[in-house]
Protein backbone atom coordinates (compact mmCIF):
# COMPACT_ATOMS: atom_id res chain seq x y z
CA MET A 1 -8.75 10.82 7.65
CA ALA A 2 -11.96 8.90 7.36
CA SER A 3 -14.28 8.88 9.92
CA ILE A 4 -13.76 6.50 12.48
CA ALA A 5 -17.09 5.72 13.60
CA CYS A 6 -17.28 2.97 10.90
CA ILE A 7 -14.19 0.75 10.56
CA PRO A 8 -13.69 -1.15 7.19
CA SER A 9 -12.48 -4.58 7.32
CA VAL A 10 -9.04 -5.50 6.39
CA PRO A 11 -8.87 -6.52 2.82
CA SER A 12 -6.93 -9.58 1.54
CA PRO A 13 -3.38 -9.06 0.49
CA GLY A 14 -2.90 -8.27 -3.41
CA ASN A 15 -0.62 -10.21 -5.86
CA ALA A 16 3.12 -10.91 -5.43
CA THR A 17 4.37 -8.02 -7.26
CA GLY A 18 2.20 -5.74 -5.47
CA LEU A 19 3.30 -7.35 -2.00
CA ARG A 20 6.71 -6.81 -2.82
CA GLU A 21 6.47 -3.03 -3.37
CA ARG A 22 4.48 -2.85 -0.23
CA ALA A 23 7.37 -4.56 1.51
CA ARG A 24 10.06 -2.80 0.15
CA GLY A 25 8.39 0.42 1.02
CA ALA A 26 7.56 -0.68 4.30
CA LEU A 27 11.13 -1.54 5.47
CA LEU A 28 12.86 1.27 3.44
CA GLY A 29 10.56 3.61 4.86
CA LEU A 30 11.16 2.51 8.22
CA ALA A 31 15.08 3.05 7.78
CA VAL A 32 14.41 6.48 5.95
CA GLY A 33 12.33 7.52 9.04
CA ASP A 34 15.23 6.09 11.11
CA ALA A 35 17.71 8.47 9.43
CA LEU A 36 15.75 11.39 9.24
CA GLY A 37 14.62 11.17 12.75
CA ALA A 38 18.03 10.37 14.44
CA PRO A 39 19.27 14.02 14.91
CA ALA A 40 16.31 14.93 16.39
CA GLU A 41 15.91 12.43 19.10
CA ASN A 42 15.27 13.35 22.50
CA LEU A 43 14.53 17.02 21.59
CA LYS A 44 11.74 19.33 22.12
CA PRO A 45 9.82 20.92 19.02
CA SER A 46 11.27 24.38 20.08
CA GLU A 47 14.71 22.92 20.02
CA ILE A 48 14.23 21.33 16.64
CA ARG A 49 12.91 24.74 15.21
CA ALA A 50 15.94 26.34 16.88
CA ARG A 51 18.57 24.26 15.33
CA TRP A 52 16.64 23.81 12.02
CA GLY A 53 13.59 25.64 11.63
CA ARG A 54 11.15 22.84 10.32
CA ILE A 55 13.07 19.62 9.25
CA THR A 56 12.01 18.87 5.49
CA GLY A 57 14.56 16.22 4.94
CA TYR A 58 18.11 15.18 6.06
CA VAL A 59 19.91 17.29 8.35
CA SER A 60 22.99 15.19 8.73
CA GLN A 61 25.96 14.88 6.20
CA ASN A 62 25.92 10.95 6.13
CA PRO A 63 22.10 10.00 7.12
CA ALA A 64 21.79 6.37 8.04
CA GLY A 65 19.61 4.02 10.15
CA THR A 66 20.33 3.66 13.97
CA ASP A 67 19.68 0.78 16.05
CA ASP A 68 16.05 0.85 15.01
CA THR A 69 17.11 -0.21 11.24
CA GLU A 70 19.55 -2.74 12.70
CA TYR A 71 17.32 -4.39 14.81
CA ALA A 72 14.69 -4.58 12.53
CA ILE A 73 16.82 -6.19 10.08
CA PHE A 74 17.71 -8.66 13.00
CA SER A 75 14.12 -9.29 13.30
CA GLY A 76 13.45 -9.84 9.48
CA LEU A 77 16.50 -12.21 9.21
CA LEU A 78 15.41 -14.26 12.24
CA LEU A 79 11.79 -14.37 10.87
CA ALA A 80 12.93 -15.41 7.22
CA ARG A 81 14.93 -18.25 8.98
CA HIS A 82 11.83 -19.38 11.00
CA GLY A 83 8.66 -18.10 9.50
CA SER A 84 5.41 -18.86 11.39
CA ALA A 85 7.12 -21.67 13.50
CA LEU A 86 9.28 -18.99 15.55
CA THR A 87 9.60 -19.71 18.94
CA PRO A 88 11.14 -17.73 22.22
CA SER A 89 13.84 -20.31 22.07
CA HIS A 90 14.70 -19.36 18.33
CA VAL A 91 14.53 -15.87 19.27
CA GLU A 92 16.75 -16.41 22.52
CA ALA A 93 19.36 -18.56 20.52
CA ALA A 94 19.38 -15.59 17.91
CA TRP A 95 20.27 -12.97 20.36
CA HIS A 96 23.13 -15.24 21.73
CA GLU A 97 24.06 -15.85 18.29
CA TRP A 98 24.17 -12.55 16.84
CA ILE A 99 24.82 -10.27 19.74
CA ALA A 100 25.15 -11.49 23.40
CA ASP A 101 27.94 -14.29 22.73
CA ARG A 102 30.12 -12.18 20.05
CA ASP A 103 33.29 -10.47 21.63
CA GLU A 104 32.77 -7.01 20.30
CA GLY A 105 33.28 -4.84 23.03
CA PRO A 106 30.93 -2.31 24.32
CA PHE A 107 27.17 -2.59 22.95
CA ARG A 108 26.95 0.64 20.99
CA GLY A 109 23.77 2.75 20.36
CA ALA A 110 21.29 0.35 21.93
CA GLY A 111 18.38 1.61 24.26
CA PHE A 112 18.06 0.30 27.88
CA SER A 113 15.86 -2.47 27.19
CA GLU A 114 18.42 -4.18 24.76
CA ARG A 115 21.12 -3.30 27.67
CA GLY A 116 19.07 -5.35 30.13
CA THR A 117 18.06 -7.67 28.02
CA LEU A 118 21.70 -8.61 27.08
CA GLU A 119 22.90 -8.40 30.84
CA ASN A 120 20.36 -10.93 31.89
CA LEU A 121 21.17 -13.38 28.83
CA ARG A 122 24.72 -13.11 29.83
CA ARG A 123 23.89 -14.24 33.19
CA GLY A 124 22.10 -17.30 31.86
CA LEU A 125 18.63 -16.23 32.27
CA ALA A 126 16.25 -17.17 29.44
CA ALA A 127 13.00 -15.81 28.33
CA PRO A 128 10.64 -14.70 29.65
CA ILE A 129 12.95 -13.87 32.54
CA SER A 130 15.48 -12.11 30.65
CA ALA A 131 12.85 -9.50 29.78
CA GLN A 132 12.63 -8.85 33.49
CA HIS A 133 14.43 -5.43 33.87
CA ARG A 134 13.89 -1.79 34.37
CA HIS A 135 12.83 -0.94 30.86
CA ALA A 136 10.48 -3.87 29.56
CA TRP A 137 7.80 -1.24 28.46
CA SER A 138 10.20 0.41 25.98
CA ASP A 139 9.62 1.03 22.49
CA GLY A 140 12.37 -1.36 21.63
CA LEU A 141 10.11 -4.18 20.30
CA ALA A 142 8.12 -1.65 18.46
CA MET A 143 10.94 -0.19 16.60
CA ARG A 144 11.84 -3.72 15.02
CA ALA A 145 8.44 -5.01 14.71
CA ALA A 146 7.38 -4.19 11.19
CA PRO A 147 8.79 -7.31 9.57
CA PHE A 148 6.31 -9.36 11.19
CA GLY A 149 3.62 -7.26 9.67
CA VAL A 150 5.38 -7.45 6.13
CA PHE A 151 5.56 -11.31 6.76
CA ALA A 152 2.12 -11.71 7.89
CA ALA A 153 0.57 -9.20 5.20
CA GLY A 154 -3.46 -8.93 5.68
CA ARG A 155 -3.19 -11.16 8.83
CA PRO A 156 -2.75 -8.48 11.69
CA ALA A 157 -3.39 -11.21 14.39
CA GLU A 158 -0.76 -13.40 13.28
CA ALA A 159 1.62 -10.53 13.00
CA ALA A 160 0.95 -9.71 16.34
CA ARG A 161 1.43 -13.05 17.69
CA LEU A 162 4.80 -13.41 16.13
CA ALA A 163 5.81 -10.01 17.51
CA ALA A 164 4.83 -11.19 20.79
CA VAL A 165 6.85 -14.29 20.54
CA ASP A 166 10.11 -11.97 19.56
CA GLY A 167 9.56 -9.70 22.22
CA SER A 168 9.10 -12.59 24.70
CA VAL A 169 12.87 -12.18 25.13
CA SER A 170 13.34 -8.52 25.97
CA HIS A 171 10.01 -6.69 26.78
CA ASP A 172 6.76 -7.48 28.66
CA GLY A 173 3.34 -5.74 29.11
CA GLU A 174 3.17 -2.27 27.47
CA GLY A 175 6.21 -3.17 25.82
CA ILE A 176 4.95 -6.06 24.01
CA TYR A 177 1.64 -4.30 23.29
CA GLY A 178 3.51 -1.57 21.56
CA GLY A 179 5.30 -3.91 19.09
CA GLN A 180 2.05 -5.77 18.62
CA ALA A 181 0.21 -2.68 17.62
CA VAL A 182 2.77 -1.83 15.09
CA ALA A 183 3.00 -5.14 13.51
CA ALA A 184 -0.54 -5.45 13.09
CA GLY A 185 -0.72 -1.91 11.68
CA VAL A 186 1.63 -2.82 8.87
CA ALA A 187 -0.10 -6.33 8.37
CA ALA A 188 -3.17 -4.32 7.44
CA ALA A 189 -1.34 -1.69 5.56
CA MET A 190 0.37 -4.31 3.39
CA ALA A 191 -3.04 -5.47 2.30
CA GLY A 192 -4.15 -2.22 1.19
CA ALA A 193 -6.10 -1.13 4.23
CA PRO A 194 -7.09 2.77 4.39
CA THR A 195 -5.64 4.62 7.09
CA VAL A 196 -8.67 4.09 9.55
CA ALA A 197 -8.49 0.21 9.22
CA VAL A 198 -4.79 0.10 9.78
CA VAL A 199 -5.26 1.99 13.30
CA ALA A 200 -8.43 -0.22 14.02
CA SER A 201 -6.07 -3.46 13.49
CA ALA A 202 -3.43 -2.03 15.88
CA LEU A 203 -5.84 -1.53 18.39
CA ALA A 204 -7.80 -4.99 17.78
CA VAL A 205 -4.38 -6.67 19.08
CA VAL A 206 -3.70 -5.00 22.62
CA PRO A 207 -6.13 -4.95 25.55
CA ASP A 208 -8.72 -2.08 25.19
CA ASP A 209 -7.87 -1.02 28.79
CA SER A 210 -4.30 -0.83 28.12
CA TRP A 211 -2.13 2.35 28.43
CA THR A 212 -1.06 1.55 24.80
CA ALA A 213 -4.32 1.52 23.68
CA ARG A 214 -5.57 4.64 25.49
CA SER A 215 -2.99 6.62 24.19
CA LEU A 216 -3.02 5.49 20.37
CA ARG A 217 -6.93 6.40 20.80
CA ARG A 218 -6.02 9.96 21.93
CA ALA A 219 -3.33 10.58 19.22
CA VAL A 220 -5.98 9.39 16.38
CA ALA A 221 -8.73 11.47 18.04
CA VAL A 222 -6.90 14.85 17.64
CA ALA A 223 -4.77 13.99 14.41
CA HIS A 224 -6.77 16.00 12.32
CA ARG A 225 -5.67 18.89 14.60
CA GLY A 226 -2.01 18.29 13.79
CA GLU A 227 1.45 17.60 15.25
CA ARG A 228 1.11 19.76 18.22
CA ALA A 229 -2.37 18.46 19.24
CA VAL A 230 -1.06 14.69 19.03
CA ARG A 231 2.19 15.54 20.97
CA SER A 232 0.27 17.38 23.68
CA ALA A 233 -2.34 14.40 23.80
CA VAL A 234 0.22 11.39 24.57
CA VAL A 235 3.58 13.05 25.63
CA ILE A 236 4.25 12.09 29.52
CA GLY A 237 5.69 15.86 30.63
CA GLY A 238 8.64 15.55 32.99
CA TYR A 239 9.77 12.05 32.37
CA PRO A 240 13.38 12.02 31.58
CA TRP A 241 13.41 9.29 28.81
CA THR A 242 11.51 9.17 25.53
CA ASP A 243 11.40 5.35 24.82
CA LEU A 244 8.09 4.79 26.35
CA ALA A 245 6.31 2.45 24.14
CA PRO A 246 2.92 3.78 24.79
CA GLU A 247 3.97 7.14 23.97
CA ALA A 248 6.09 6.44 20.94
CA VAL A 249 3.53 4.20 19.51
CA ALA A 250 0.86 6.64 19.98
CA LEU A 251 3.05 9.68 18.40
CA ALA A 252 3.79 7.49 15.21
CA PHE A 253 0.34 6.36 14.82
CA GLY A 254 -0.73 9.91 15.38
CA ALA A 255 1.58 11.09 12.54
CA TYR A 256 0.45 8.64 10.17
CA ALA A 257 -3.32 9.07 10.79
CA ALA A 258 -2.57 13.03 10.42
CA ALA A 259 -1.25 12.38 7.24
CA ASP A 260 -3.72 10.07 6.21
CA GLY A 261 -1.00 7.58 4.90
CA ASP A 262 0.92 10.00 2.83
CA PHE A 263 4.53 8.98 3.45
CA ARG A 264 6.41 12.04 3.36
CA ASP A 265 3.78 14.08 5.74
CA ALA A 266 3.85 10.87 8.23
CA VAL A 267 7.48 11.05 8.67
CA LEU A 268 8.14 14.81 8.76
CA THR A 269 5.44 14.98 11.14
CA ALA A 270 6.97 12.32 13.43
CA VAL A 271 10.35 13.75 13.20
CA ASN A 272 9.24 17.41 13.86
CA MET A 273 7.57 16.23 17.26
CA GLY A 274 10.72 15.30 18.71
CA ARG A 275 11.17 12.92 21.50
CA ASP A 276 12.20 9.38 20.31
CA ALA A 277 12.08 10.80 16.82
CA ASP A 278 14.18 8.06 15.08
CA THR A 279 11.88 5.45 16.58
CA THR A 280 8.45 7.36 15.84
CA ALA A 281 9.47 8.50 12.57
CA ALA A 282 10.74 4.75 11.77
CA VAL A 283 7.27 3.32 12.82
CA ALA A 284 5.36 6.14 10.83
CA GLY A 285 7.72 5.55 7.76
CA ALA A 286 6.95 1.46 8.06
CA LEU A 287 3.03 2.16 8.30
CA ALA A 288 3.16 4.88 5.24
CA GLY A 289 5.38 2.76 3.44
CA ALA A 290 3.26 -0.23 3.36
CA THR A 291 0.37 1.66 2.74
CA GLN A 292 1.67 3.77 -0.25
CA GLY A 293 4.46 1.51 -1.62
CA ILE A 294 8.14 2.14 -2.11
CA SER A 295 7.09 4.25 -4.90
CA ALA A 296 6.28 7.00 -2.35
CA ILE A 297 9.50 7.44 -1.00
CA PRO A 298 11.07 10.40 -2.11
CA ALA A 299 14.20 9.19 -4.37
CA GLU A 300 16.80 11.63 -2.45
CA TRP A 301 15.62 10.00 0.88
CA GLY A 302 15.47 5.96 -0.20
CA SER A 303 18.78 6.44 -2.25
CA ALA A 304 20.89 7.68 0.81
CA ILE A 305 19.86 4.45 2.47
CA GLY A 306 22.89 1.86 1.92
CA PRO A 307 23.72 -1.45 3.78
CA ALA A 308 23.35 -1.57 7.65
CA ARG A 309 26.98 -0.21 9.12
CA GLY A 310 26.88 -2.44 12.18
CA SER A 311 27.14 0.90 14.24
CA CYS A 312 24.83 -0.87 16.84
CA LEU A 313 24.92 -4.48 15.78
CA PRO A 314 28.03 -5.75 14.22
CA ALA A 315 26.69 -8.79 12.75
CA MET A 316 24.16 -6.79 10.66
CA ALA A 317 26.71 -5.00 8.78
CA GLY A 318 26.26 -5.30 5.32
CA HIS A 319 22.67 -6.30 5.23
CA HIS A 320 20.03 -4.03 3.33
CA VAL A 321 16.63 -3.65 4.36
CA LEU A 322 15.27 -4.07 0.75
CA ASP A 323 17.15 -7.48 0.61
CA VAL A 324 15.21 -8.36 4.05
CA ALA A 325 11.99 -7.16 2.59
CA ASP A 326 12.32 -9.50 -0.63
CA LEU A 327 12.70 -12.46 1.81
CA LEU A 328 9.53 -11.85 3.49
CA VAL A 329 7.14 -12.23 0.65
CA PRO A 330 6.32 -14.90 -1.70
CA GLY A 331 8.43 -14.66 -4.78
CA GLY A 332 10.40 -11.49 -3.33
CA GLY A 333 13.91 -13.18 -3.85
CA MET A 334 16.17 -15.98 -2.94
CA ALA A 335 17.19 -16.83 0.50
CA ALA A 336 20.53 -15.88 1.72
CA PRO A 337 22.88 -19.16 1.80
CA GLU A 338 23.02 -18.66 5.70
CA LEU A 339 19.22 -19.00 6.12
CA ALA A 340 17.49 -22.18 6.37
CA PRO A 341 15.26 -23.45 3.38
CA ASN A 342 11.40 -23.68 3.58
CA MET A 343 11.51 -20.40 5.57
CA LEU A 344 8.54 -19.04 4.60
CA VAL A 345 5.99 -21.44 6.07
CA ARG A 346 2.93 -19.74 6.13
CA GLU A 347 -0.16 -20.59 8.20
CA ASP A 348 -3.60 -19.44 7.63
CA SER A 349 -5.26 -17.24 10.58
CA PRO A 350 -8.65 -15.62 10.76
CA LEU A 351 -8.52 -11.68 10.20
CA PRO A 352 -9.54 -9.75 13.47
CA ASP A 353 -12.80 -7.82 12.56
CA PRO A 354 -12.29 -4.30 12.79
CA THR A 355 -15.97 -3.57 12.60
CA ALA A 356 -16.37 -5.00 16.05
CA PHE A 357 -15.32 -1.80 17.93
CA THR A 358 -14.86 1.79 17.13
CA LEU A 359 -12.07 4.08 18.33
CA SER A 360 -13.10 5.96 21.61
CA THR A 361 -12.49 9.84 21.70
CA ASN A 362 -13.48 10.14 25.47
CA ASP A 363 -10.51 9.09 27.16
CA GLU A 364 -9.09 11.20 29.86
CA PRO A 365 -5.68 12.22 29.70
CA GLU A 366 -3.02 9.88 31.23
CA PRO A 367 -1.67 11.36 34.55
CA SER A 368 1.95 12.05 34.03
CA ARG A 369 4.34 9.10 35.50
């Protein structure tokens, strides 16, 4: 990875064809990472090695995306419907329309933050009160934030703003920051920014003294030493759950930085670190896929990803991440009939200046929580 002492600016997005290839790379990369990481979720590296050695490809018979992919599709379709005019009311209405008000039995395969959000929505609570539950700091927003970076290519601040609007229904505090970091990083990568500028763009949109920023800085500072160092720098030892947004987002960016944006290396690094491996690999895959484009995704990995099965969100069944990617870029494809016209209304907003700060490497380790 390049030196982090001097952060280059985020370039302007390329032409429509280039954006489409990066958009497809970002969302297919997310789904591939999700499917690769799902079997390793909640495992330690030692447990992964005992079962499979080092994971170098799919280890399940029928690889598929989990709730991470289906929620990214959910947010992508919502964004395609409303564009930059997205409001918390739009997001809340979509949660009711596509999830909460459906008679579909148990809410399968979702994390604690999604379950808590649904309980609150079904009790009649509205955003931001609907996000007041015990897991508002989870990585549930981070896992679905990549579409905002795809839509706001080259505009990390706008991507972060939209991610926060989406997250207002389900997350708060560090949970919002994690989603904003992912969205901004993908937005920078969509414009062809180098790895160091992608990381800088993520840090530029979250509070400097937040747990998310501190963890992300630590992960990137040791990324050159490999996955064990990244994991040791940010994992909260002894905590029983693996969905902490500051931890998961830092692991994903650490994997991406360790690989210097290379898709295969970034995703496999995230997978083999364990913890919330489907989410960390999905985020690393989105970042690297946006950086390198869809051609960087191994064909045998990409071809295994079909339309969403609806295993978590039945309303998302049949939607493919590539179709969603096409909806989010100019000239990428036609809107689905059920989506509103004029959905891709863009607003100009200034890019954050990544040269205005440096990535500190002097943070003390976060105490175990």
